[in-house]
Every structure is written in C-alpha cells, then in structure tokens.
Amino acid sequence: MEKDILNNSIDRSWIDQFDRPLTISGPCSAESEQQIMETAKKLDPVYVQIFRAGIWKPRTRPNNFEGIGKKGLRWLKKVKEDTGLMVSTEVANAEHVKLAKSFDIDVLWIGARSTASPFTIQEIADSLEGEEDKIILVKNPIHPDIELWIGALERLLSKGLKKLGVIHRGFYTYKTSKYRNQPNWNLLFNFRKILPRIPVICDPSHICGNKEGIFEIAEKAYRFRYDGLMIESHCDPDHAWSDAKQQITPVYLLNMLKKLTYITTTFDKKKDLYDFRVFIDEIDENIIHLLADRMKISKKLGFLKKSEDITIFQPNRWKSIMKKSIKLGKELGLSEKILEDIFQLLHKESINIQKD
C-alpha cells in the first residue's frame, strides 16, 4: 500500500473528539475485580478518557503470571458501565479478539511482540474484518523497524479498519541504558514524517521501566506534540502482580497530568531547536553508556594481560584499530582528525585502566 494512501485512509475522528491530549491509564494486569474497580474509580475522568488493563500477559518465559483471562473482561465491562470510561486491553490472537468483542471492549491494542510477527498481525486483522468502528492501537515492534510497524497498519487497513493509532513504547537496545526500552526519538520523528496523520500515543511506563522517569518522558512526548499518553496506574502499585516498578497511583498520575497540561500552554516557540537538542541528548547518553561499557572491558582485559604476562601496549593492535576506525569514519562522513583525537583519548584511558 502506498504511504500516501495509508496516511489518507486514517480516521482520526476517534481521538480528535477530545479537547486535550488523550490519556489511557490503568494497571499493567487485571488482578481482581476489587483492584480493577478501585483503580478505575480513583482516576479523574477529566484527565483520563480510557481505562486499560492487561487480561492476557505475554511472558518471555513460562510459569510467570500470564494474565487473569476471560473473567477480567467482565471487570472491564463493569468499569465501562459504572464510570463511563472507554475500556481497552491487549489482544494477541483471533481468540482474544473474539472474546474482547463479546464484552464490547472499545479499544484493542497490539503488543510489541505481536507487531514483530506479520503472521500474528494478519490473524488479528482477519478476525477484525467488518469491525470498522473498533479502535486499534499498534505498539512499535521490539526492534526499531519502521517498515515492520507500517506493515502492521497496512494489514489492518486492508481489512477496512481505519480508526487506528500507534503506541510508542520504546525499543530494545543491546547496550546498558537508563531506560528499559530506548525511546529513539529520532526514529519517531522520521515515522511521523512518513505518516503525519496517524495518532501517536507515548507509553512512558514501558520506556522507563520505573516510575521515577515517567514524567520526564511524558513531558518530552507533550513537547513533541504527541496525541496522548498510555501510563500504567494501580491502586496499590507496590504489590502489583506484574511490572510493579513502573506503575504509579491514580493520585500521582493526576498531579503529573495537571503539570503537563500547564506545559502545553507554555511551549517553547523554537520547537525545531528543542527537537534537535533532544536527538543530540539521546545520542550523547548512548555514547556515555557505550564508553562505560568499553572501559569495563578494558579493565577485564587488564586482568587477563596481567595473568598471562602480556604487555599492555600492543602497537600492531593499535594500528589496526586506527586504520579500521578511520576507514569507517570516512565512509560515514567524519574527518580523520576528529577520529584520531577521539581514539587517542580512548586508547590512553584504556591503557591507564589496564595498568591500574
């Protein structure tokens, strides 16, 4: 499907009806009817429009809590009847879709693992055919693959589903990071240039993996003009059955959303400048984490060389590093001088660490 056709096919009416950025909130997992109802009733409907709860929880390894199942859908339906909030949950196969439809769940989201599998997406899309009024949100795939993400949207659109949106929940990274999932703001910037009309919801809970960083990520999302937030909240987050570290109380959420509402009225007019600074800050953080990892390996290398009575400075190895690095740098448009300066510093520090 052509990108222009995809972009123009998106129906934004479901989200444009709200007079403020959308907020989806509720616990990571439905645990009991009491927990669901207590959390829902503590959420302020002025700031939260959609209640969320995981009914089926995909786990990397078995024998962990994998969701309460079908009975949780009854609790969501009760939330809808008692509070007037729209309700949402994750679906990962045709059976999930069938059950969610039978309980009149308003919003279905597709998780990162499912988005990464075209077969799974196709199964879900096929099971939703004819449900034009259903709102479907697609989380980004685990790895930063824009085409895979867009492909999921195309499969849904091909079945007549137009009330679509995406959830930015961050991406897996191979390196140490302060985030559970790397935001990769620049990738989202490029994604939105391709599909400027698609509603984008930010999920700070899964990006951070902890409650301390949620406000920082939510603020960046507001400044990037995202259409809304999905934030996990729980009436008793410290005792949550899953992802306890990243859930906050409804009171904490309300205070945070009030601060964010103020931010929307005081945006820096130099938005482009802000965007590029965020991109640079994220790259700088990545560089620092990579440098720390490099120095840890240098330390281990020092122990190894000492135990094997190997000379610390290896001239041939150093020449090989410089040759390969300068060649790669030139291919990427970097000057030889900056590469020499950087690697001289790295080499000097590595030698010092190995000596110590």
Protein backbone atom coordinates (compact mmCIF):
# COMPACT_ATOMS: atom_id res chain seq x y z
CA MET A 1 0.00 0.00 0.00
CA GLU A 2 1.37 3.43 -0.95
CA LYS A 3 2.29 5.60 2.04
CA ASP A 4 0.04 8.45 0.82
CA ILE A 5 -2.94 6.09 0.54
CA LEU A 6 -2.21 4.70 4.01
CA ASN A 7 -1.86 8.15 5.51
CA ASN A 8 -5.05 9.49 3.91
CA SER A 9 -7.04 6.40 4.95
CA ILE A 10 -6.50 7.02 8.68
CA ASP A 11 -9.70 8.07 10.50
CA ARG A 12 -8.73 10.43 13.34
CA SER A 13 -12.28 11.15 14.49
CA TRP A 14 -11.97 8.81 17.49
CA ILE A 15 -9.18 10.89 19.03
CA ASP A 16 -9.96 14.37 17.67
CA GLN A 17 -13.18 14.37 19.72
CA PHE A 18 -11.17 15.06 22.89
CA ASP A 19 -10.30 18.64 23.81
CA ARG A 20 -6.99 17.67 25.44
CA PRO A 21 -4.27 15.09 24.77
CA LEU A 22 -5.67 11.60 25.30
CA THR A 23 -4.72 9.65 28.43
CA ILE A 24 -5.10 5.88 28.70
CA SER A 25 -4.45 4.55 32.19
CA GLY A 26 -4.98 1.59 34.45
CA PRO A 27 -2.99 -1.35 35.79
CA CYS A 28 -0.50 -3.42 33.87
CA SER A 29 -2.58 -6.50 34.69
CA ALA A 30 -6.11 -7.12 35.88
CA GLU A 31 -5.71 -8.99 39.19
CA SER A 32 -9.12 -8.88 40.85
CA GLU A 33 -12.45 -7.13 40.42
CA GLN A 34 -11.75 -5.06 43.53
CA GLN A 35 -8.36 -3.92 42.21
CA ILE A 36 -9.81 -3.01 38.82
CA MET A 37 -12.80 -1.10 40.21
CA GLU A 38 -10.81 0.72 42.89
CA THR A 39 -8.20 1.88 40.38
CA ALA A 40 -10.80 2.96 37.82
CA LYS A 41 -12.85 4.96 40.33
CA LYS A 42 -9.74 6.80 41.55
CA LEU A 43 -8.89 8.01 38.05
CA ASP A 44 -10.09 11.53 37.24
CA PRO A 45 -12.32 11.34 34.11
CA VAL A 46 -11.46 14.95 33.28
CA TYR A 47 -7.88 13.85 32.56
CA VAL A 48 -8.26 10.13 31.77
CA GLN A 49 -10.55 9.08 28.93
CA ILE A 50 -9.74 5.39 28.53
CA PHE A 51 -9.17 2.72 31.17
CA ARG A 52 -6.66 -0.02 30.37
CA ALA A 53 -5.79 -3.40 31.89
CA GLY A 54 -3.90 -6.40 30.57
CA ILE A 55 -6.04 -9.54 30.50
CA TRP A 56 -3.54 -11.76 28.70
CA LYS A 57 0.11 -11.10 29.51
CA PRO A 58 2.72 -12.48 27.09
CA ARG A 59 5.81 -13.57 29.02
CA THR A 60 9.30 -14.28 27.74
CA ARG A 61 9.47 -17.42 29.88
CA PRO A 62 6.65 -19.69 31.12
CA ASN A 63 5.48 -20.20 34.71
CA ASN A 64 5.11 -16.46 35.34
CA PHE A 65 1.75 -14.72 35.75
CA GLU A 66 0.28 -14.66 32.24
CA GLY A 67 -2.95 -12.81 32.91
CA ILE A 68 -6.30 -13.44 34.56
CA GLY A 69 -8.01 -14.35 31.27
CA LYS A 70 -11.65 -14.10 30.22
CA LYS A 71 -13.12 -13.15 33.62
CA GLY A 72 -11.07 -9.94 33.51
CA LEU A 73 -13.12 -8.82 30.54
CA ARG A 74 -16.23 -8.86 32.72
CA TRP A 75 -14.48 -6.50 35.13
CA LEU A 76 -13.59 -4.15 32.27
CA LYS A 77 -17.19 -4.14 31.12
CA LYS A 78 -18.25 -3.22 34.66
CA VAL A 79 -15.76 -0.33 34.68
CA LYS A 80 -17.35 0.93 31.48
CA GLU A 81 -20.87 0.69 32.93
CA ASP A 82 -20.02 2.23 36.32
CA THR A 83 -17.63 5.03 35.31
CA GLY A 84 -18.48 5.84 31.69
CA LEU A 85 -14.83 5.44 30.71
CA MET A 86 -13.94 3.68 27.49
CA VAL A 87 -12.03 0.45 28.17
CA SER A 88 -9.08 -1.21 26.46
CA THR A 89 -6.92 -4.32 26.55
CA GLU A 90 -4.21 -6.09 24.56
CA VAL A 91 -5.02 -8.84 22.06
CA ALA A 92 -2.52 -11.27 20.56
CA ASN A 93 -4.62 -13.72 18.53
CA ALA A 94 -8.03 -14.29 16.98
CA GLU A 95 -9.50 -15.86 20.13
CA HIS A 96 -8.55 -12.78 22.18
CA VAL A 97 -10.26 -10.58 19.60
CA LYS A 98 -13.41 -12.73 19.64
CA LEU A 99 -13.67 -12.56 23.43
CA ALA A 100 -12.90 -8.84 23.60
CA LYS A 101 -15.62 -8.12 21.04
CA SER A 102 -18.13 -10.19 23.01
CA PHE A 103 -17.58 -7.95 26.04
CA ASP A 104 -17.76 -4.74 23.97
CA ILE A 105 -14.18 -3.61 24.67
CA ASP A 106 -13.78 -0.21 22.98
CA VAL A 107 -10.05 -0.13 22.24
CA LEU A 108 -7.75 -3.03 21.41
CA TRP A 109 -4.00 -2.68 21.33
CA ILE A 110 -1.48 -4.97 19.72
CA GLY A 111 1.73 -5.52 21.70
CA ALA A 112 5.32 -5.11 20.56
CA ARG A 113 5.95 -8.85 20.24
CA SER A 114 2.84 -9.27 18.08
CA THR A 115 3.71 -6.30 15.86
CA ALA A 116 7.02 -8.02 15.11
CA SER A 117 5.18 -11.01 13.61
CA PRO A 118 3.36 -10.41 10.28
CA PHE A 119 1.57 -13.77 10.70
CA THR A 120 0.16 -12.69 14.08
CA ILE A 121 -0.88 -9.29 12.74
CA GLN A 122 -2.61 -10.92 9.79
CA GLU A 123 -4.52 -13.27 12.09
CA ILE A 124 -5.68 -10.34 14.22
CA ALA A 125 -6.58 -8.27 11.13
CA ASP A 126 -8.60 -11.15 9.66
CA SER A 127 -10.52 -11.60 12.91
CA LEU A 128 -11.37 -7.88 12.99
CA GLU A 129 -12.73 -7.64 9.45
CA GLY A 130 -16.10 -5.89 9.48
CA GLU A 131 -15.38 -4.09 12.78
CA GLU A 132 -14.90 -0.63 11.21
CA ASP A 133 -15.85 1.19 14.42
CA LYS A 134 -13.29 -0.62 16.58
CA ILE A 135 -10.27 1.45 17.63
CA ILE A 136 -7.00 -0.43 17.14
CA LEU A 137 -3.65 0.78 18.50
CA VAL A 138 -0.40 -0.81 17.35
CA LYS A 139 2.68 -0.74 19.59
CA ASN A 140 6.04 -0.34 17.91
CA PRO A 141 7.91 -3.60 17.24
CA ILE A 142 10.59 -4.52 19.77
CA HIS A 143 13.37 -3.57 17.35
CA PRO A 144 13.49 -0.21 15.54
CA ASP A 145 11.96 -1.27 12.23
CA ILE A 146 9.68 1.39 10.72
CA GLU A 147 8.68 -0.76 7.74
CA LEU A 148 7.51 -3.59 10.02
CA TRP A 149 5.43 -1.11 12.02
CA ILE A 150 3.88 0.41 8.90
CA GLY A 151 3.26 -3.07 7.51
CA ALA A 152 1.12 -3.89 10.55
CA LEU A 153 -1.01 -0.81 9.89
CA GLU A 154 -1.38 -1.74 6.23
CA ARG A 155 -2.64 -5.23 7.12
CA LEU A 156 -5.30 -3.70 9.38
CA LEU A 157 -6.33 -1.09 6.83
CA SER A 158 -6.71 -3.76 4.16
CA LYS A 159 -9.50 -5.24 6.31
CA GLY A 160 -11.38 -1.94 6.48
CA LEU A 161 -10.05 -0.84 9.90
CA LYS A 162 -9.41 2.91 9.75
CA LYS A 163 -9.67 4.06 13.38
CA LEU A 164 -6.02 3.35 14.00
CA GLY A 165 -3.25 4.73 16.17
CA VAL A 166 0.23 3.75 17.26
CA ILE A 167 1.84 3.44 20.67
CA HIS A 168 5.47 4.43 21.13
CA ARG A 169 6.73 2.13 23.91
CA GLY A 170 10.45 2.27 23.13
CA PHE A 171 12.83 -0.19 21.52
CA TYR A 172 15.08 -2.97 22.72
CA THR A 173 18.72 -1.98 22.93
CA TYR A 174 21.77 -4.22 23.16
CA LYS A 175 23.61 -1.81 25.46
CA THR A 176 23.30 -0.61 29.03
CA SER A 177 20.79 2.24 29.33
CA LYS A 178 18.85 4.12 31.97
CA TYR A 179 15.69 3.06 30.12
CA ARG A 180 14.01 -0.30 29.96
CA ASN A 181 13.40 0.45 26.28
CA GLN A 182 15.26 3.12 24.33
CA PRO A 183 12.92 5.97 23.23
CA ASN A 184 14.74 6.57 19.93
CA TRP A 185 13.04 9.94 19.44
CA ASN A 186 14.63 10.50 16.05
CA LEU A 187 13.05 7.30 14.69
CA LEU A 188 9.63 8.53 15.84
CA PHE A 189 10.35 11.87 14.19
CA ASN A 190 11.00 10.06 10.90
CA PHE A 191 7.96 7.81 11.36
CA ARG A 192 5.72 10.85 11.77
CA LYS A 193 7.14 12.45 8.64
CA ILE A 194 6.02 9.34 6.72
CA LEU A 195 2.58 9.15 8.42
CA PRO A 196 1.82 12.63 9.78
CA ARG A 197 -1.90 11.92 10.35
CA ILE A 198 -1.55 8.77 12.45
CA PRO A 199 -2.39 9.39 16.14
CA VAL A 200 0.71 8.71 18.25
CA ILE A 201 0.40 7.69 21.91
CA CYS A 202 3.51 7.61 24.10
CA ASP A 203 3.93 4.85 26.70
CA PRO A 204 6.38 6.25 29.29
CA SER A 205 5.79 3.28 31.62
CA HIS A 206 7.36 0.78 29.22
CA ILE A 207 10.04 3.16 28.02
CA CYS A 208 11.26 3.80 31.57
CA GLY A 209 10.55 0.53 33.33
CA ASN A 210 10.42 2.59 36.53
CA LYS A 211 8.11 5.23 37.94
CA GLU A 212 10.87 7.80 38.52
CA GLY A 213 11.39 8.62 34.84
CA ILE A 214 7.78 8.68 33.69
CA PHE A 215 7.27 12.44 33.98
CA GLU A 216 10.43 13.24 32.00
CA ILE A 217 9.35 11.01 29.11
CA ALA A 218 5.75 12.24 29.24
CA GLU A 219 6.95 15.85 29.11
CA LYS A 220 9.09 15.14 26.05
CA ALA A 221 6.10 13.44 24.40
CA TYR A 222 3.93 16.53 25.05
CA ARG A 223 6.60 18.82 23.62
CA PHE A 224 6.86 16.58 20.56
CA ARG A 225 3.09 17.13 20.12
CA TYR A 226 2.10 13.51 20.63
CA ASP A 227 -1.64 12.86 20.66
CA GLY A 228 -1.67 11.25 24.08
CA LEU A 229 -0.16 9.03 26.75
CA MET A 230 -0.62 5.47 27.97
CA ILE A 231 0.53 5.30 31.60
CA GLU A 232 0.13 2.36 33.95
CA SER A 233 -1.61 3.15 37.26
CA HIS A 234 -2.59 0.88 40.13
CA CYS A 235 -4.43 1.41 43.41
CA ASP A 236 -1.55 -0.38 45.20
CA PRO A 237 1.41 -0.42 42.80
CA ASP A 238 3.97 -1.75 45.30
CA HIS A 239 2.04 -5.02 45.45
CA ALA A 240 1.18 -5.31 41.75
CA TRP A 241 1.44 -8.80 40.26
CA SER A 242 3.41 -7.54 37.25
CA ASP A 243 5.66 -4.56 36.48
CA ALA A 244 5.30 -3.09 39.97
CA LYS A 245 8.30 -0.77 39.47
CA GLN A 246 6.71 1.15 36.60
CA GLN A 247 3.17 1.67 37.93
CA ILE A 248 2.01 4.80 39.76
CA THR A 249 -1.04 5.64 41.86
CA PRO A 250 -4.02 7.47 40.33
CA VAL A 251 -3.26 10.46 42.61
CA TYR A 252 0.32 10.67 41.37
CA LEU A 253 -0.95 10.40 37.79
CA LEU A 254 -3.43 13.25 38.27
CA ASN A 255 -0.77 15.58 39.68
CA MET A 256 1.51 14.74 36.79
CA LEU A 257 -1.18 15.33 34.16
CA LYS A 258 -2.00 18.72 35.68
CA LYS A 259 1.65 19.74 35.34
CA LEU A 260 1.71 18.50 31.76
CA THR A 261 -1.44 20.46 30.94
CA TYR A 262 0.36 23.62 32.05
CA ILE A 263 3.32 22.74 29.84
CA THR A 264 1.10 22.62 26.75
CA THR A 265 0.28 26.31 27.27
CA THR A 266 3.94 27.34 27.69
CA PHE A 267 5.67 25.60 24.77
CA ASP A 268 8.97 26.98 23.59
CA LYS A 269 8.27 28.64 20.24
CA LYS A 270 11.59 27.29 18.94
CA LYS A 271 10.17 23.79 18.61
CA ASP A 272 12.61 22.63 15.92
CA LEU A 273 15.52 23.67 18.12
CA TYR A 274 14.07 21.67 21.02
CA ASP A 275 13.57 18.59 18.84
CA PHE A 276 17.17 18.51 17.61
CA ARG A 277 18.51 19.09 21.11
CA VAL A 278 16.55 16.06 22.33
CA PHE A 279 18.00 13.96 19.49
CA ILE A 280 21.54 15.07 20.40
CA ASP A 281 20.96 14.50 24.13
CA GLU A 282 19.80 10.94 23.47
CA ILE A 283 22.83 10.21 21.27
CA ASP A 284 25.15 11.70 23.91
CA GLU A 285 23.61 9.47 26.59
CA ASN A 286 24.12 6.46 24.34
CA ILE A 287 27.77 7.42 23.77
CA ILE A 288 28.38 7.73 27.51
CA HIS A 289 26.84 4.31 28.24
CA LEU A 290 28.91 2.76 25.44
CA LEU A 291 32.08 4.40 26.77
CA ALA A 292 31.36 2.99 30.23
CA ASP A 293 30.90 -0.49 28.73
CA ARG A 294 34.15 -0.11 26.76
CA MET A 295 36.12 0.81 29.88
CA LYS A 296 34.69 -2.14 31.81
CA ILE A 297 36.01 -4.43 29.08
CA SER A 298 39.39 -2.66 29.24
CA LYS A 299 39.54 -3.44 32.94
CA LYS A 300 38.83 -7.13 32.31
CA LEU A 301 41.44 -7.07 29.56
CA GLY A 302 43.97 -5.66 32.02
CA PHE A 303 43.41 -8.56 34.44
CA LEU A 304 43.76 -11.04 31.58
CA LYS A 305 47.01 -9.49 30.29
CA LYS A 306 48.46 -9.46 33.80
CA SER A 307 47.58 -13.10 34.44
CA GLU A 308 49.07 -14.14 31.07
CA ASP A 309 52.08 -11.78 31.42
CA ILE A 310 51.17 -9.94 28.20
CA THR A 311 52.48 -6.43 27.52
CA ILE A 312 49.70 -3.87 27.90
CA PHE A 313 50.52 -1.75 24.85
CA GLN A 314 50.23 -3.72 21.61
CA PRO A 315 51.40 -1.47 18.71
CA ASN A 316 50.10 -3.68 15.90
CA ARG A 317 46.68 -3.94 17.53
CA TRP A 318 46.59 -0.15 17.97
CA LYS A 319 47.49 0.47 14.31
CA SER A 320 44.77 -1.97 13.22
CA ILE A 321 42.14 -0.19 15.35
CA MET A 322 43.06 3.22 13.95
CA LYS A 323 43.13 2.01 10.35
CA LYS A 324 39.69 0.37 10.55
CA SER A 325 38.14 3.25 12.51
CA ILE A 326 39.41 5.97 10.17
CA LYS A 327 38.24 3.99 7.12
CA LEU A 328 34.75 3.51 8.58
CA GLY A 329 34.58 7.12 9.75
CA LYS A 330 35.44 8.45 6.31
CA GLU A 331 32.70 6.31 4.79
CA LEU A 332 30.27 7.94 7.22
CA GLY A 333 31.49 11.48 6.50
CA LEU A 334 33.66 12.03 9.59
CA SER A 335 37.02 13.78 9.45
CA GLU A 336 40.23 11.85 10.09
CA LYS A 337 41.30 14.45 12.66
CA ILE A 338 38.30 14.02 14.96
CA LEU A 339 38.61 10.23 14.81
CA GLU A 340 42.32 10.37 15.67
CA ASP A 341 41.64 12.71 18.60
CA ILE A 342 38.81 10.57 19.97
CA PHE A 343 40.66 7.27 19.67
CA GLN A 344 43.87 8.69 21.11
CA LEU A 345 41.88 9.69 24.22
CA LEU A 346 40.14 6.31 24.39
CA HIS A 347 43.42 4.45 23.96
CA LYS A 348 45.16 6.50 26.63
CA GLU A 349 42.36 5.91 29.13
CA SER A 350 42.23 2.21 28.28
CA ILE A 351 45.98 1.88 28.89
CA ASN A 352 45.66 3.67 32.25
CA ILE A 353 42.79 1.39 33.33
CA GLN A 354 44.75 -1.74 32.32
CA LYS A 355 47.81 -0.54 34.24
CA ASP A 356 45.74 0.06 37.36
